[in-house]
Amino acid sequence: MKEPIVDIKNLKKYYGKQRGIEDVSFSVQEGEIFGFIGPNGAGKSTTIRTLLALLKPTSGSATIFGKDCIKHAAEIAGDIGYLSGEPSYYENMKVKEFLRYSAELYGKKNTSRLDELAERLQLDMNRKIEDLSMGNKKKVGIISALLHSPKLLILDEPTSGLDPLIQQTFFQILREEKEKGTTILFSSHVLSEVQKLCDKVAIIKEGRIIDTQSITELRKNGYKKVSIVTENPLVREDLDLDGVADLTISNGNTSFIYMGPVVELLSKINSFPVRDVFIEEPTLEEIFLHYYQ
């Protein structure tokens, strides 16, 4: 098996006595789209910033392309495209000035890639950065990360602020990058994004990795938020089904989070005098709260 593009082992980062990350270990193989998921404040950005040598780890190790992230940070940087979760730029510059400046830093003088990405993401390059909305500033960051054709893309919450149509275009761009052989690591707190795009995911909570799964495994045991309205109130014993958590019963309304085979869930629901049923995707916060306490 090839050496992983990203390899993190027992990474810890403390700010004085305050926990950043406690024990983070995972690896990303070449050509993978790897999702790094967890609630806000779980430690995703701290891990990424440490990986990029923007923060010095308290202990543990991390390598990119087989090279130590701290010792060889400058050497590694040229082959990485990075999007910060909260990007900030030279506010007085026009978009095209900033992006051309970014391209020149990587030795790229051909602006055809820049123009193509700006058109696809519907970004007006003649506007000043200070006049842009958060969503348009995020587009600037996405283009800046992509325009030098990096071997590794590291994206921290890349879709926050993007409207749904632009999100779909962005996802397509990432799929195209994957087809070229680019390795992609991105953090998110939106489970649906991860399920659409990723080959594998690492789940972080309170600074620790609590699970690493292939997306096939995640889909097989997909989480569902279920609400049932019945003619007669149910009791807890009615829901004798493995994988039920956070069960709440109020009059004829029953709600719970379910992880397991959908066929078993539907069979159980069908045994009740159901007036209505709602099945939707729970938030990651709901999943973590009830499955990883």
C-alpha atoms as a PDB file:
ATOM      1  CA  MET A   1       0.000   0.000   0.000  1.00  0.00           C
ATOM      2  CA  LYS A   2       1.268   3.472  -0.872  1.00  0.00           C
ATOM      3  CA  GLU A   3       2.349   5.878   1.825  1.00  0.00           C
ATOM      4  CA  PRO A   4      -0.610   8.134   2.735  1.00  0.00           C
ATOM      5  CA  ILE A   5      -0.644  11.720   1.487  1.00  0.00           C
ATOM      6  CA  VAL A   6      -1.691  12.911   4.965  1.00  0.00           C
ATOM      7  CA  ASP A   7      -0.763  10.940   8.074  1.00  0.00           C
ATOM      8  CA  ILE A   8      -1.671  12.241  11.535  1.00  0.00           C
ATOM      9  CA  LYS A   9      -0.664  10.339  14.665  1.00  0.00           C
ATOM     10  CA  ASN A  10      -1.760  11.156  18.224  1.00  0.00           C
ATOM     11  CA  LEU A  11      -1.813  14.873  17.504  1.00  0.00           C
ATOM     12  CA  LYS A  12      -2.434  17.080  20.518  1.00  0.00           C
ATOM     13  CA  LYS A  13      -2.726  20.866  20.743  1.00  0.00           C
ATOM     14  CA  TYR A  14      -3.329  22.783  23.953  1.00  0.00           C
ATOM     15  CA  TYR A  15      -3.602  26.544  24.391  1.00  0.00           C
ATOM     16  CA  GLY A  16      -2.167  26.753  27.887  1.00  0.00           C
ATOM     17  CA  LYS A  17      -4.561  24.545  29.845  1.00  0.00           C
ATOM     18  CA  GLN A  18      -7.354  24.868  27.273  1.00  0.00           C
ATOM     19  CA  ARG A  19      -7.934  21.912  24.990  1.00  0.00           C
ATOM     20  CA  GLY A  20      -7.665  22.377  21.252  1.00  0.00           C
ATOM     21  CA  ILE A  21      -7.340  18.754  20.182  1.00  0.00           C
ATOM     22  CA  GLU A  22      -6.616  15.846  22.493  1.00  0.00           C
ATOM     23  CA  ASP A  23      -5.766  12.745  20.460  1.00  0.00           C
ATOM     24  CA  VAL A  24      -6.227  12.937  16.692  1.00  0.00           C
ATOM     25  CA  SER A  25      -5.062  10.147  14.368  1.00  0.00           C
ATOM     26  CA  PHE A  26      -6.116   9.448  10.784  1.00  0.00           C
ATOM     27  CA  SER A  27      -4.613   9.120   7.325  1.00  0.00           C
ATOM     28  CA  VAL A  28      -5.708  10.210   3.856  1.00  0.00           C
ATOM     29  CA  GLN A  29      -4.713   8.140   0.837  1.00  0.00           C
ATOM     30  CA  GLU A  30      -3.753   9.535  -2.546  1.00  0.00           C
ATOM     31  CA  GLY A  31      -6.764  10.504  -4.673  1.00  0.00           C
ATOM     32  CA  GLU A  32      -9.276  10.281  -1.803  1.00  0.00           C
ATOM     33  CA  ILE A  33     -11.889  12.837  -0.882  1.00  0.00           C
ATOM     34  CA  PHE A  34     -11.702  12.617   2.895  1.00  0.00           C
ATOM     35  CA  GLY A  35     -14.319  14.247   5.096  1.00  0.00           C
ATOM     36  CA  PHE A  36     -13.441  15.556   8.536  1.00  0.00           C
ATOM     37  CA  ILE A  37     -16.713  16.034  10.352  1.00  0.00           C
ATOM     38  CA  GLY A  38     -17.939  17.163  13.730  1.00  0.00           C
ATOM     39  CA  PRO A  39     -19.890  19.893  15.500  1.00  0.00           C
ATOM     40  CA  ASN A  40     -18.569  23.435  15.620  1.00  0.00           C
ATOM     41  CA  GLY A  41     -15.852  23.644  18.268  1.00  0.00           C
ATOM     42  CA  ALA A  42     -14.931  19.959  18.031  1.00  0.00           C
ATOM     43  CA  GLY A  43     -11.372  20.652  16.879  1.00  0.00           C
ATOM     44  CA  LYS A  44     -11.554  20.499  13.089  1.00  0.00           C
ATOM     45  CA  SER A  45      -9.922  23.878  12.411  1.00  0.00           C
ATOM     46  CA  THR A  46      -7.272  23.350  15.087  1.00  0.00           C
ATOM     47  CA  THR A  47      -6.286  20.040  13.470  1.00  0.00           C
ATOM     48  CA  ILE A  48      -6.085  21.626  10.026  1.00  0.00           C
ATOM     49  CA  ARG A  49      -4.083  24.636  11.225  1.00  0.00           C
ATOM     50  CA  THR A  50      -1.670  22.347  13.035  1.00  0.00           C
ATOM     51  CA  LEU A  51      -1.351  20.182   9.933  1.00  0.00           C
ATOM     52  CA  LEU A  52      -0.432  23.298   7.941  1.00  0.00           C
ATOM     53  CA  ALA A  53       2.134  24.422  10.548  1.00  0.00           C
ATOM     54  CA  LEU A  54       0.035  27.503  11.335  1.00  0.00           C
ATOM     55  CA  LEU A  55      -0.005  26.139  14.884  1.00  0.00           C
ATOM     56  CA  LYS A  56       2.729  24.141  16.593  1.00  0.00           C
ATOM     57  CA  PRO A  57       1.465  20.871  18.086  1.00  0.00           C
ATOM     58  CA  THR A  58       1.834  20.174  21.796  1.00  0.00           C
ATOM     59  CA  SER A  59       2.671  16.554  20.964  1.00  0.00           C
ATOM     60  CA  GLY A  60       2.137  13.929  18.284  1.00  0.00           C
ATOM     61  CA  SER A  61       3.151  14.070  14.638  1.00  0.00           C
ATOM     62  CA  ALA A  62       1.764  14.836  11.197  1.00  0.00           C
ATOM     63  CA  THR A  63       3.196  14.328   7.727  1.00  0.00           C
ATOM     64  CA  ILE A  64       2.149  15.470   4.253  1.00  0.00           C
ATOM     65  CA  PHE A  65       3.711  13.724   1.230  1.00  0.00           C
ATOM     66  CA  GLY A  66       5.756  11.737   3.775  1.00  0.00           C
ATOM     67  CA  LYS A  67       7.411  14.895   5.131  1.00  0.00           C
ATOM     68  CA  ASP A  68       7.091  16.295   8.628  1.00  0.00           C
ATOM     69  CA  CYS A  69       4.564  19.147   8.569  1.00  0.00           C
ATOM     70  CA  ILE A  70       6.543  21.404  10.879  1.00  0.00           C
ATOM     71  CA  LYS A  71      10.116  20.752   9.724  1.00  0.00           C
ATOM     72  CA  HIS A  72       9.283  20.839   6.005  1.00  0.00           C
ATOM     73  CA  ALA A  73       6.393  23.319   6.016  1.00  0.00           C
ATOM     74  CA  ALA A  74       7.861  25.644   3.372  1.00  0.00           C
ATOM     75  CA  GLU A  75       8.772  22.750   1.079  1.00  0.00           C
ATOM     76  CA  ILE A  76       5.308  21.226   1.314  1.00  0.00           C
ATOM     77  CA  ALA A  77       3.333  24.465   0.910  1.00  0.00           C
ATOM     78  CA  GLY A  78       3.747  24.821  -2.855  1.00  0.00           C
ATOM     79  CA  ASP A  79       1.768  21.642  -3.517  1.00  0.00           C
ATOM     80  CA  ILE A  80      -1.120  22.464  -1.162  1.00  0.00           C
ATOM     81  CA  GLY A  81      -4.252  24.487  -1.819  1.00  0.00           C
ATOM     82  CA  TYR A  82      -5.781  25.775   1.425  1.00  0.00           C
ATOM     83  CA  LEU A  83      -9.085  27.448   2.193  1.00  0.00           C
ATOM     84  CA  SER A  84      -9.503  28.827   5.698  1.00  0.00           C
ATOM     85  CA  GLY A  85     -12.836  28.551   7.463  1.00  0.00           C
ATOM     86  CA  GLU A  86     -12.754  32.330   7.968  1.00  0.00           C
ATOM     87  CA  PRO A  87     -10.796  33.710   5.003  1.00  0.00           C
ATOM     88  CA  SER A  88      -9.373  37.225   5.140  1.00  0.00           C
ATOM     89  CA  TYR A  89      -7.704  39.077   2.278  1.00  0.00           C
ATOM     90  CA  TYR A  90      -6.295  42.451   1.250  1.00  0.00           C
ATOM     91  CA  GLU A  91      -9.609  44.289   1.438  1.00  0.00           C
ATOM     92  CA  ASN A  92      -8.611  47.227  -0.790  1.00  0.00           C
ATOM     93  CA  MET A  93      -7.596  45.041  -3.707  1.00  0.00           C
ATOM     94  CA  LYS A  94      -9.906  44.084  -6.537  1.00  0.00           C
ATOM     95  CA  VAL A  95     -10.686  40.387  -6.802  1.00  0.00           C
ATOM     96  CA  LYS A  96      -8.716  39.982 -10.040  1.00  0.00           C
ATOM     97  CA  GLU A  97      -5.708  41.788  -8.565  1.00  0.00           C
ATOM     98  CA  PHE A  98      -5.645  39.537  -5.529  1.00  0.00           C
ATOM     99  CA  LEU A  99      -6.105  36.310  -7.492  1.00  0.00           C
ATOM    100  CA  ARG A 100      -3.442  37.233 -10.046  1.00  0.00           C
ATOM    101  CA  TYR A 101      -1.127  38.065  -7.166  1.00  0.00           C
ATOM    102  CA  SER A 102      -1.900  34.633  -5.650  1.00  0.00           C
ATOM    103  CA  ALA A 103      -1.206  32.933  -8.981  1.00  0.00           C
ATOM    104  CA  GLU A 104       2.163  34.700  -9.295  1.00  0.00           C
ATOM    105  CA  LEU A 105       3.173  33.490  -5.831  1.00  0.00           C
ATOM    106  CA  TYR A 106       2.903  29.959  -7.196  1.00  0.00           C
ATOM    107  CA  GLY A 107       4.662  30.854 -10.446  1.00  0.00           C
ATOM    108  CA  LYS A 108       1.445  30.670 -12.510  1.00  0.00           C
ATOM    109  CA  LYS A 109       1.119  33.361 -15.170  1.00  0.00           C
ATOM    110  CA  ASN A 110      -1.561  31.742 -17.329  1.00  0.00           C
ATOM    111  CA  THR A 111      -4.899  33.211 -16.203  1.00  0.00           C
ATOM    112  CA  SER A 112      -7.141  30.828 -18.181  1.00  0.00           C
ATOM    113  CA  ARG A 113      -7.733  28.613 -15.126  1.00  0.00           C
ATOM    114  CA  LEU A 114      -8.513  31.677 -13.035  1.00  0.00           C
ATOM    115  CA  ASP A 115     -11.024  32.994 -15.579  1.00  0.00           C
ATOM    116  CA  GLU A 116     -12.677  29.577 -15.917  1.00  0.00           C
ATOM    117  CA  LEU A 117     -13.184  29.152 -12.163  1.00  0.00           C
ATOM    118  CA  ALA A 118     -14.477  32.722 -11.730  1.00  0.00           C
ATOM    119  CA  GLU A 119     -17.018  32.162 -14.474  1.00  0.00           C
ATOM    120  CA  ARG A 120     -18.214  28.828 -13.109  1.00  0.00           C
ATOM    121  CA  LEU A 121     -18.549  30.203  -9.571  1.00  0.00           C
ATOM    122  CA  GLN A 122     -20.165  33.430 -10.828  1.00  0.00           C
ATOM    123  CA  LEU A 123     -17.595  35.695  -9.206  1.00  0.00           C
ATOM    124  CA  ASP A 124     -17.277  39.319 -10.383  1.00  0.00           C
ATOM    125  CA  MET A 125     -13.520  39.897 -10.518  1.00  0.00           C
ATOM    126  CA  ASN A 126     -13.814  43.665 -10.928  1.00  0.00           C
ATOM    127  CA  ARG A 127     -15.242  44.282  -7.472  1.00  0.00           C
ATOM    128  CA  LYS A 128     -13.182  45.220  -4.435  1.00  0.00           C
ATOM    129  CA  ILE A 129     -12.837  42.464  -1.867  1.00  0.00           C
ATOM    130  CA  GLU A 130     -14.126  44.738   0.913  1.00  0.00           C
ATOM    131  CA  ASP A 131     -17.440  45.065  -0.980  1.00  0.00           C
ATOM    132  CA  LEU A 132     -18.042  41.320  -1.262  1.00  0.00           C
ATOM    133  CA  SER A 133     -20.520  39.266   0.724  1.00  0.00           C
ATOM    134  CA  MET A 134     -19.212  36.377   2.853  1.00  0.00           C
ATOM    135  CA  GLY A 135     -20.295  33.933   0.154  1.00  0.00           C
ATOM    136  CA  ASN A 136     -18.345  35.788  -2.543  1.00  0.00           C
ATOM    137  CA  LYS A 137     -15.289  36.042  -0.295  1.00  0.00           C
ATOM    138  CA  LYS A 138     -15.526  32.270   0.088  1.00  0.00           C
ATOM    139  CA  LYS A 139     -15.475  31.961  -3.718  1.00  0.00           C
ATOM    140  CA  VAL A 140     -12.268  34.028  -3.798  1.00  0.00           C
ATOM    141  CA  GLY A 141     -10.724  31.581  -1.330  1.00  0.00           C
ATOM    142  CA  ILE A 142     -11.856  28.547  -3.304  1.00  0.00           C
ATOM    143  CA  ILE A 143     -10.332  29.893  -6.524  1.00  0.00           C
ATOM    144  CA  SER A 144      -7.120  30.877  -4.752  1.00  0.00           C
ATOM    145  CA  ALA A 145      -6.822  27.324  -3.391  1.00  0.00           C
ATOM    146  CA  LEU A 146      -7.427  25.718  -6.793  1.00  0.00           C
ATOM    147  CA  LEU A 147      -5.715  27.909  -9.351  1.00  0.00           C
ATOM    148  CA  HIS A 148      -2.192  26.451  -9.017  1.00  0.00           C
ATOM    149  CA  SER A 149      -3.432  22.832  -9.461  1.00  0.00           C
ATOM    150  CA  PRO A 150      -2.220  21.559  -6.064  1.00  0.00           C
ATOM    151  CA  LYS A 151      -1.624  17.893  -5.288  1.00  0.00           C
ATOM    152  CA  LEU A 152      -3.503  18.272  -2.001  1.00  0.00           C
ATOM    153  CA  LEU A 153      -6.534  20.443  -1.265  1.00  0.00           C
ATOM    154  CA  ILE A 154      -7.311  21.251   2.387  1.00  0.00           C
ATOM    155  CA  LEU A 155     -10.650  23.005   2.765  1.00  0.00           C
ATOM    156  CA  ASP A 156     -12.054  24.148   6.109  1.00  0.00           C
ATOM    157  CA  GLU A 157     -15.883  24.430   5.996  1.00  0.00           C
ATOM    158  CA  PRO A 158     -15.746  25.355   2.271  1.00  0.00           C
ATOM    159  CA  THR A 159     -19.489  25.650   1.579  1.00  0.00           C
ATOM    160  CA  SER A 160     -20.568  27.958   4.409  1.00  0.00           C
ATOM    161  CA  GLY A 161     -21.977  31.103   2.833  1.00  0.00           C
ATOM    162  CA  LEU A 162     -22.392  29.615  -0.651  1.00  0.00           C
ATOM    163  CA  ASP A 163     -25.874  29.490  -2.153  1.00  0.00           C
ATOM    164  CA  PRO A 164     -27.162  25.986  -3.090  1.00  0.00           C
ATOM    165  CA  LEU A 165     -26.578  26.307  -6.856  1.00  0.00           C
ATOM    166  CA  ILE A 166     -22.985  27.446  -6.378  1.00  0.00           C
ATOM    167  CA  GLN A 167     -22.487  24.616  -3.871  1.00  0.00           C
ATOM    168  CA  GLN A 168     -23.421  22.108  -6.574  1.00  0.00           C
ATOM    169  CA  THR A 169     -20.961  23.699  -9.007  1.00  0.00           C
ATOM    170  CA  PHE A 170     -18.287  23.594  -6.329  1.00  0.00           C
ATOM    171  CA  PHE A 171     -18.956  19.892  -5.644  1.00  0.00           C
ATOM    172  CA  GLN A 172     -18.602  19.192  -9.369  1.00  0.00           C
ATOM    173  CA  ILE A 173     -15.258  21.016  -9.416  1.00  0.00           C
ATOM    174  CA  LEU A 174     -14.068  18.847  -6.519  1.00  0.00           C
ATOM    175  CA  ARG A 175     -15.118  15.684  -8.367  1.00  0.00           C
ATOM    176  CA  GLU A 176     -13.143  16.862 -11.383  1.00  0.00           C
ATOM    177  CA  GLU A 177     -10.105  17.481  -9.176  1.00  0.00           C
ATOM    178  CA  LYS A 178     -10.416  13.971  -7.778  1.00  0.00           C
ATOM    179  CA  GLU A 179     -10.469  12.567 -11.329  1.00  0.00           C
ATOM    180  CA  LYS A 180      -7.159  14.371 -11.953  1.00  0.00           C
ATOM    181  CA  GLY A 181      -5.669  12.571  -8.958  1.00  0.00           C
ATOM    182  CA  THR A 182      -5.889  15.428  -6.450  1.00  0.00           C
ATOM    183  CA  THR A 183      -6.237  14.396  -2.821  1.00  0.00           C
ATOM    184  CA  ILE A 184      -8.877  16.387  -0.912  1.00  0.00           C
ATOM    185  CA  LEU A 185      -9.346  16.819   2.826  1.00  0.00           C
ATOM    186  CA  PHE A 186     -12.277  18.967   3.863  1.00  0.00           C
ATOM    187  CA  SER A 187     -14.009  19.671   7.131  1.00  0.00           C
ATOM    188  CA  SER A 188     -17.742  20.064   7.504  1.00  0.00           C
ATOM    189  CA  HIS A 189     -20.541  19.934  10.044  1.00  0.00           C
ATOM    190  CA  VAL A 190     -23.081  19.060   7.299  1.00  0.00           C
ATOM    191  CA  LEU A 191     -23.511  15.297   6.991  1.00  0.00           C
ATOM    192  CA  SER A 192     -25.229  15.454   3.573  1.00  0.00           C
ATOM    193  CA  GLU A 193     -22.149  17.111   2.016  1.00  0.00           C
ATOM    194  CA  VAL A 194     -19.947  14.333   3.292  1.00  0.00           C
ATOM    195  CA  GLN A 195     -22.271  11.607   2.057  1.00  0.00           C
ATOM    196  CA  LYS A 196     -22.392  13.106  -1.452  1.00  0.00           C
ATOM    197  CA  LEU A 197     -18.669  13.604  -1.916  1.00  0.00           C
ATOM    198  CA  CYS A 198     -16.425  11.590   0.334  1.00  0.00           C
ATOM    199  CA  ASP A 199     -14.756   8.208   0.103  1.00  0.00           C
ATOM    200  CA  LYS A 200     -14.014   8.151   3.815  1.00  0.00           C
ATOM    201  CA  VAL A 201     -14.737  10.213   6.925  1.00  0.00           C
ATOM    202  CA  ALA A 202     -13.222  10.833  10.343  1.00  0.00           C
ATOM    203  CA  ILE A 203     -15.618  11.963  13.071  1.00  0.00           C
ATOM    204  CA  ILE A 204     -14.279  14.253  15.789  1.00  0.00           C
ATOM    205  CA  LYS A 205     -15.869  15.232  19.078  1.00  0.00           C
ATOM    206  CA  GLU A 206     -14.330  17.341  21.839  1.00  0.00           C
ATOM    207  CA  GLY A 207     -10.871  17.112  20.291  1.00  0.00           C
ATOM    208  CA  ARG A 208     -10.832  13.326  19.832  1.00  0.00           C
ATOM    209  CA  ILE A 209     -11.442  11.093  16.820  1.00  0.00           C
ATOM    210  CA  ILE A 210     -14.298   8.835  17.805  1.00  0.00           C
ATOM    211  CA  ASP A 211     -14.760   6.948  14.549  1.00  0.00           C
ATOM    212  CA  THR A 212     -13.380   6.579  11.041  1.00  0.00           C
ATOM    213  CA  GLN A 213     -15.663   5.047   8.416  1.00  0.00           C
ATOM    214  CA  SER A 214     -15.846   4.526   4.697  1.00  0.00           C
ATOM    215  CA  ILE A 215     -18.795   6.337   3.166  1.00  0.00           C
ATOM    216  CA  THR A 216     -20.257   2.927   2.281  1.00  0.00           C
ATOM    217  CA  GLU A 217     -20.404   2.064   5.974  1.00  0.00           C
ATOM    218  CA  LEU A 218     -21.880   5.451   6.815  1.00  0.00           C
ATOM    219  CA  ARG A 219     -24.642   5.029   4.245  1.00  0.00           C
ATOM    220  CA  LYS A 220     -25.356   1.444   5.274  1.00  0.00           C
ATOM    221  CA  ASN A 221     -26.021   2.551   8.838  1.00  0.00           C
ATOM    222  CA  GLY A 222     -27.363   5.960   7.875  1.00  0.00           C
ATOM    223  CA  TYR A 223     -28.861   8.021  10.651  1.00  0.00           C
ATOM    224  CA  LYS A 224     -32.520   9.001  10.431  1.00  0.00           C
ATOM    225  CA  LYS A 225     -34.602  11.417  12.452  1.00  0.00           C
ATOM    226  CA  VAL A 226     -38.092   9.946  12.674  1.00  0.00           C
ATOM    227  CA  SER A 227     -41.371  11.551  13.754  1.00  0.00           C
ATOM    228  CA  ILE A 228     -44.586   9.528  13.852  1.00  0.00           C
ATOM    229  CA  VAL A 229     -48.149  10.676  14.463  1.00  0.00           C
ATOM    230  CA  THR A 230     -50.418   7.797  15.528  1.00  0.00           C
ATOM    231  CA  GLU A 231     -54.109   7.375  16.274  1.00  0.00           C
ATOM    232  CA  ASN A 232     -53.295   6.188  19.804  1.00  0.00           C
ATOM    233  CA  PRO A 233     -50.249   7.169  21.875  1.00  0.00           C
ATOM    234  CA  LEU A 234     -47.362   4.711  21.731  1.00  0.00           C
ATOM    235  CA  VAL A 235     -45.374   3.531  24.751  1.00  0.00           C
ATOM    236  CA  ARG A 236     -41.625   2.938  24.933  1.00  0.00           C
ATOM    237  CA  GLU A 237     -42.053  -0.822  24.682  1.00  0.00           C
ATOM    238  CA  ASP A 238     -43.596  -0.353  21.219  1.00  0.00           C
ATOM    239  CA  LEU A 239     -40.203   0.803  19.905  1.00  0.00           C
ATOM    240  CA  ASP A 240     -38.320  -2.429  20.696  1.00  0.00           C
ATOM    241  CA  LEU A 241     -35.977  -1.760  17.811  1.00  0.00           C
ATOM    242  CA  ASP A 242     -32.176  -1.772  17.897  1.00  0.00           C
ATOM    243  CA  GLY A 243     -30.626   1.580  17.051  1.00  0.00           C
ATOM    244  CA  VAL A 244     -33.298   3.826  18.587  1.00  0.00           C
ATOM    245  CA  ALA A 245     -32.108   6.793  20.672  1.00  0.00           C
ATOM    246  CA  ASP A 246     -33.534  10.030  22.045  1.00  0.00           C
ATOM    247  CA  LEU A 247     -37.044   8.603  22.136  1.00  0.00           C
ATOM    248  CA  THR A 248     -39.681  11.218  22.971  1.00  0.00           C
ATOM    249  CA  ILE A 249     -43.409  10.444  23.264  1.00  0.00           C
ATOM    250  CA  SER A 250     -46.014  13.163  23.717  1.00  0.00           C
ATOM    251  CA  ASN A 251     -49.680  12.266  23.242  1.00  0.00           C
ATOM    252  CA  GLY A 252     -49.871  10.860  19.707  1.00  0.00           C
ATOM    253  CA  ASN A 253     -46.499  12.241  18.627  1.00  0.00           C
ATOM    254  CA  THR A 254     -43.421  10.033  18.797  1.00  0.00           C
ATOM    255  CA  SER A 255     -39.912  11.084  17.714  1.00  0.00           C
ATOM    256  CA  PHE A 256     -36.506   9.420  17.851  1.00  0.00           C
ATOM    257  CA  ILE A 257     -33.160   9.078  16.100  1.00  0.00           C
ATOM    258  CA  TYR A 258     -32.535   5.758  14.384  1.00  0.00           C
ATOM    259  CA  MET A 259     -29.411   4.057  13.073  1.00  0.00           C
ATOM    260  CA  GLY A 260     -29.837   0.747  11.295  1.00  0.00           C
ATOM    261  CA  PRO A 261     -31.449  -0.988   8.312  1.00  0.00           C
ATOM    262  CA  VAL A 262     -34.250   1.097   6.810  1.00  0.00           C
ATOM    263  CA  VAL A 263     -36.289  -2.053   6.056  1.00  0.00           C
ATOM    264  CA  GLU A 264     -36.551  -2.850   9.765  1.00  0.00           C
ATOM    265  CA  LEU A 265     -37.580   0.722  10.566  1.00  0.00           C
ATOM    266  CA  LEU A 266     -40.333   0.749   7.919  1.00  0.00           C
ATOM    267  CA  SER A 267     -41.601  -2.652   9.032  1.00  0.00           C
ATOM    268  CA  LYS A 268     -41.900  -1.402  12.622  1.00  0.00           C
ATOM    269  CA  ILE A 269     -43.657   1.833  11.563  1.00  0.00           C
ATOM    270  CA  ASN A 270     -46.067  -0.174   9.430  1.00  0.00           C
ATOM    271  CA  SER A 271     -47.192  -2.098  12.509  1.00  0.00           C
ATOM    272  CA  PHE A 272     -48.564   1.086  14.116  1.00  0.00           C
ATOM    273  CA  PRO A 273     -51.873   2.884  13.378  1.00  0.00           C
ATOM    274  CA  VAL A 274     -49.969   5.726  11.682  1.00  0.00           C
ATOM    275  CA  ARG A 275     -51.631   8.988  10.643  1.00  0.00           C
ATOM    276  CA  ASP A 276     -48.432  10.640   9.422  1.00  0.00           C
ATOM    277  CA  VAL A 277     -44.679  10.046   9.363  1.00  0.00           C
ATOM    278  CA  PHE A 278     -41.624  12.247   8.751  1.00  0.00           C
ATOM    279  CA  ILE A 279     -38.160  10.833   8.107  1.00  0.00           C
ATOM    280  CA  GLU A 280     -35.275  13.256   7.681  1.00  0.00           C
ATOM    281  CA  GLU A 281     -31.535  13.594   8.193  1.00  0.00           C
ATOM    282  CA  PRO A 282     -30.567  14.604  11.731  1.00  0.00           C
ATOM    283  CA  THR A 283     -27.940  17.245  12.322  1.00  0.00           C
ATOM    284  CA  LEU A 284     -24.484  16.062  13.273  1.00  0.00           C
ATOM    285  CA  GLU A 285     -24.997  17.700  16.656  1.00  0.00           C
ATOM    286  CA  GLU A 286     -28.029  15.452  17.251  1.00  0.00           C
ATOM    287  CA  ILE A 287     -26.090  12.364  16.226  1.00  0.00           C
ATOM    288  CA  PHE A 288     -23.135  13.178  18.454  1.00  0.00           C
ATOM    289  CA  LEU A 289     -25.323  14.103  21.399  1.00  0.00           C
ATOM    290  CA  HIS A 290     -27.121  10.783  21.463  1.00  0.00           C
ATOM    291  CA  TYR A 291     -24.630   8.283  20.073  1.00  0.00           C
ATOM    292  CA  TYR A 292     -21.289   9.471  21.399  1.00  0.00           C
ATOM    293  CA  GLN A 293     -21.875  10.555  24.968  1.00  0.00           C
END
